[in-house]
Amino acid sequence: MATIHLIRTSKDNKAVRGTATIPIGADKVVCATLENSEYIIPEGTYELKNTMSPKFKKILPLVCGVRGRSGIRIHTGTKPEHSTGCVLVSAFGKQQIIDFINQKAKQNEKVYLTISYAD
């Protein structure tokens, strides 16, 4: 099963920015993250499991093992308002972002395929 390691780099009244590292064998994917500051999950390492998302009607990575929480997904979005507890990701690598992640479909698909490969 794949894991994700979340690190926070900055926070304001709307958004929490950080990085996520997803080890894939000897390699790793590092991507920028964005979360809604009202619903952040603690920094740390969590297991990922690919399951069907009832909301998005497709298979998305589920973040497992967050105390007192369930249904936390990794998905796309461009503003903290696009997350009510989920982790929004970008495949750009480590970078500062302000209230949005400038994502493109191919980059998000690459992150998803990498996570799927690790499953």
C-alpha atoms as a PDB file:
ATOM      1  CA  MET A   1       0.000   0.000   0.000  1.00  0.00           C
ATOM      2  CA  ALA A   2       1.237   3.504  -0.799  1.00  0.00           C
ATOM      3  CA  THR A   3       1.815   6.177   1.833  1.00  0.00           C
ATOM      4  CA  ILE A   4       1.733   9.946   1.831  1.00  0.00           C
ATOM      5  CA  HIS A   5       3.830  12.199   4.070  1.00  0.00           C
ATOM      6  CA  LEU A   6       2.331  15.662   4.605  1.00  0.00           C
ATOM      7  CA  ILE A   7       4.391  18.691   5.643  1.00  0.00           C
ATOM      8  CA  ARG A   8       2.940  22.172   6.179  1.00  0.00           C
ATOM      9  CA  THR A   9       4.861  25.193   4.912  1.00  0.00           C
ATOM     10  CA  SER A  10       2.443  28.087   5.509  1.00  0.00           C
ATOM     11  CA  LYS A  11      -1.026  28.906   6.775  1.00  0.00           C
ATOM     12  CA  ASP A  12      -3.409  31.849   6.632  1.00  0.00           C
ATOM     13  CA  ASN A  13      -7.071  32.295   7.507  1.00  0.00           C
ATOM     14  CA  LYS A  14      -8.231  30.434   4.367  1.00  0.00           C
ATOM     15  CA  ALA A  15      -5.509  28.063   3.213  1.00  0.00           C
ATOM     16  CA  VAL A  16      -2.799  25.731   4.412  1.00  0.00           C
ATOM     17  CA  ARG A  17      -0.007  25.121   1.941  1.00  0.00           C
ATOM     18  CA  GLY A  18       2.560  22.373   2.082  1.00  0.00           C
ATOM     19  CA  THR A  19       4.125  19.413   0.363  1.00  0.00           C
ATOM     20  CA  ALA A  20       3.277  15.765   0.063  1.00  0.00           C
ATOM     21  CA  THR A  21       5.831  13.036  -0.532  1.00  0.00           C
ATOM     22  CA  ILE A  22       4.652   9.706  -1.916  1.00  0.00           C
ATOM     23  CA  PRO A  23       7.384   7.020  -1.964  1.00  0.00           C
ATOM     24  CA  ILE A  24       7.237   4.640  -4.923  1.00  0.00           C
ATOM     25  CA  GLY A  25       9.906   1.985  -4.408  1.00  0.00           C
ATOM     26  CA  ALA A  26      13.288   3.726  -4.557  1.00  0.00           C
ATOM     27  CA  ASP A  27      11.667   6.821  -6.129  1.00  0.00           C
ATOM     28  CA  LYS A  28       9.297   9.387  -4.713  1.00  0.00           C
ATOM     29  CA  VAL A  29       6.774  11.888  -5.980  1.00  0.00           C
ATOM     30  CA  VAL A  30       6.843  15.311  -4.308  1.00  0.00           C
ATOM     31  CA  CYS A  31       3.932  17.631  -4.945  1.00  0.00           C
ATOM     32  CA  ALA A  32       2.531  20.874  -3.600  1.00  0.00           C
ATOM     33  CA  THR A  33      -0.593  20.621  -1.446  1.00  0.00           C
ATOM     34  CA  LEU A  34      -3.428  22.955  -0.566  1.00  0.00           C
ATOM     35  CA  GLU A  35      -6.035  22.478   2.163  1.00  0.00           C
ATOM     36  CA  ASN A  36      -8.879  24.493   3.594  1.00  0.00           C
ATOM     37  CA  SER A  37      -7.615  25.880   6.944  1.00  0.00           C
ATOM     38  CA  GLU A  38     -10.914  24.980   8.634  1.00  0.00           C
ATOM     39  CA  TYR A  39     -10.515  21.253   7.880  1.00  0.00           C
ATOM     40  CA  ILE A  40      -6.777  20.460   7.891  1.00  0.00           C
ATOM     41  CA  ILE A  41      -5.493  17.064   8.930  1.00  0.00           C
ATOM     42  CA  PRO A  42      -2.403  16.776  11.130  1.00  0.00           C
ATOM     43  CA  GLU A  43       1.047  16.669   9.568  1.00  0.00           C
ATOM     44  CA  GLY A  44       2.381  13.160   9.298  1.00  0.00           C
ATOM     45  CA  THR A  45       2.489   9.953   7.300  1.00  0.00           C
ATOM     46  CA  TYR A  46      -0.708   8.184   6.263  1.00  0.00           C
ATOM     47  CA  GLU A  47      -1.583   5.116   4.216  1.00  0.00           C
ATOM     48  CA  LEU A  48      -3.299   5.591   0.860  1.00  0.00           C
ATOM     49  CA  LYS A  49      -5.859   3.251  -0.619  1.00  0.00           C
ATOM     50  CA  ASN A  50      -7.468   3.677  -4.026  1.00  0.00           C
ATOM     51  CA  THR A  51     -11.254   3.354  -3.663  1.00  0.00           C
ATOM     52  CA  MET A  52     -14.364   4.571  -5.437  1.00  0.00           C
ATOM     53  CA  SER A  53     -15.317   8.110  -4.400  1.00  0.00           C
ATOM     54  CA  PRO A  54     -19.100   8.422  -4.038  1.00  0.00           C
ATOM     55  CA  LYS A  55     -18.852  12.190  -4.584  1.00  0.00           C
ATOM     56  CA  PHE A  56     -16.590  12.174  -7.673  1.00  0.00           C
ATOM     57  CA  LYS A  57     -17.852   8.836  -9.076  1.00  0.00           C
ATOM     58  CA  LYS A  58     -14.336   7.599  -9.843  1.00  0.00           C
ATOM     59  CA  ILE A  59     -11.458   5.889  -8.087  1.00  0.00           C
ATOM     60  CA  LEU A  60      -9.405   8.344  -6.026  1.00  0.00           C
ATOM     61  CA  PRO A  61      -6.766   7.900  -3.312  1.00  0.00           C
ATOM     62  CA  LEU A  62      -8.275   7.707   0.189  1.00  0.00           C
ATOM     63  CA  VAL A  63      -6.136   8.934   3.112  1.00  0.00           C
ATOM     64  CA  CYS A  64      -6.409   6.314   5.871  1.00  0.00           C
ATOM     65  CA  GLY A  65      -5.663   6.519   9.578  1.00  0.00           C
ATOM     66  CA  VAL A  66      -6.561  10.129  10.344  1.00  0.00           C
ATOM     67  CA  ARG A  67      -7.831  10.103  13.931  1.00  0.00           C
ATOM     68  CA  GLY A  68     -11.513  10.981  14.173  1.00  0.00           C
ATOM     69  CA  ARG A  69     -11.911  11.491  10.417  1.00  0.00           C
ATOM     70  CA  SER A  70     -12.886   9.451   7.374  1.00  0.00           C
ATOM     71  CA  GLY A  71     -13.515  10.014   3.679  1.00  0.00           C
ATOM     72  CA  ILE A  72     -10.429  12.177   3.166  1.00  0.00           C
ATOM     73  CA  ARG A  73      -9.459  12.075  -0.516  1.00  0.00           C
ATOM     74  CA  ILE A  74      -6.627  13.381  -2.627  1.00  0.00           C
ATOM     75  CA  HIS A  75      -8.131  15.255  -5.551  1.00  0.00           C
ATOM     76  CA  THR A  76      -7.829  18.317  -7.714  1.00  0.00           C
ATOM     77  CA  GLY A  77      -8.976  21.831  -6.957  1.00  0.00           C
ATOM     78  CA  THR A  78      -7.754  25.372  -7.383  1.00  0.00           C
ATOM     79  CA  LYS A  79      -8.934  27.120  -4.192  1.00  0.00           C
ATOM     80  CA  PRO A  80      -9.118  26.154  -0.512  1.00  0.00           C
ATOM     81  CA  GLU A  81     -12.910  26.286  -0.837  1.00  0.00           C
ATOM     82  CA  HIS A  82     -12.664  23.213  -3.105  1.00  0.00           C
ATOM     83  CA  SER A  83     -11.710  21.169  -0.043  1.00  0.00           C
ATOM     84  CA  THR A  84     -13.792  20.314   2.988  1.00  0.00           C
ATOM     85  CA  GLY A  85     -11.121  18.129   4.512  1.00  0.00           C
ATOM     86  CA  CYS A  86      -9.445  16.644   1.468  1.00  0.00           C
ATOM     87  CA  VAL A  87      -5.905  17.289   0.247  1.00  0.00           C
ATOM     88  CA  LEU A  88      -5.620  19.132  -3.070  1.00  0.00           C
ATOM     89  CA  VAL A  89      -2.433  18.264  -4.948  1.00  0.00           C
ATOM     90  CA  SER A  90      -0.263  19.609  -7.728  1.00  0.00           C
ATOM     91  CA  ALA A  91       2.380  17.656  -9.626  1.00  0.00           C
ATOM     92  CA  PHE A  92       4.690  20.678  -9.910  1.00  0.00           C
ATOM     93  CA  GLY A  93       6.994  19.680  -7.054  1.00  0.00           C
ATOM     94  CA  LYS A  94       7.874  21.946  -4.146  1.00  0.00           C
ATOM     95  CA  GLN A  95       6.685  25.498  -4.714  1.00  0.00           C
ATOM     96  CA  GLN A  96       4.918  28.285  -2.925  1.00  0.00           C
ATOM     97  CA  ILE A  97       1.254  28.682  -3.784  1.00  0.00           C
ATOM     98  CA  ILE A  98      -1.173  31.389  -2.688  1.00  0.00           C
ATOM     99  CA  ASP A  99      -4.866  30.399  -2.398  1.00  0.00           C
ATOM    100  CA  PHE A 100      -4.718  28.172  -5.481  1.00  0.00           C
ATOM    101  CA  ILE A 101      -2.848  25.400  -7.183  1.00  0.00           C
ATOM    102  CA  ASN A 102      -2.417  26.011 -10.896  1.00  0.00           C
ATOM    103  CA  GLN A 103      -3.138  22.472 -12.035  1.00  0.00           C
ATOM    104  CA  LYS A 104      -3.405  20.862 -15.427  1.00  0.00           C
ATOM    105  CA  ALA A 105      -5.243  17.612 -16.115  1.00  0.00           C
ATOM    106  CA  LYS A 106      -2.149  15.737 -17.367  1.00  0.00           C
ATOM    107  CA  GLN A 107      -0.157  16.601 -14.244  1.00  0.00           C
ATOM    108  CA  ASN A 108      -2.941  15.451 -11.932  1.00  0.00           C
ATOM    109  CA  GLU A 109      -3.342  12.242 -13.924  1.00  0.00           C
ATOM    110  CA  LYS A 110       0.388  11.612 -13.539  1.00  0.00           C
ATOM    111  CA  VAL A 111       0.109  11.869  -9.739  1.00  0.00           C
ATOM    112  CA  TYR A 112      -2.932   9.574  -9.734  1.00  0.00           C
ATOM    113  CA  LEU A 113      -1.248   7.003 -11.975  1.00  0.00           C
ATOM    114  CA  THR A 114       1.824   7.029  -9.755  1.00  0.00           C
ATOM    115  CA  ILE A 115      -0.284   6.426  -6.666  1.00  0.00           C
ATOM    116  CA  SER A 116      -2.210   3.694  -8.488  1.00  0.00           C
ATOM    117  CA  TYR A 117       1.049   2.022  -9.488  1.00  0.00           C
ATOM    118  CA  ALA A 118       2.110   1.835  -5.838  1.00  0.00           C
ATOM    119  CA  ASP A 119      -1.118   0.177  -4.715  1.00  0.00           C
END
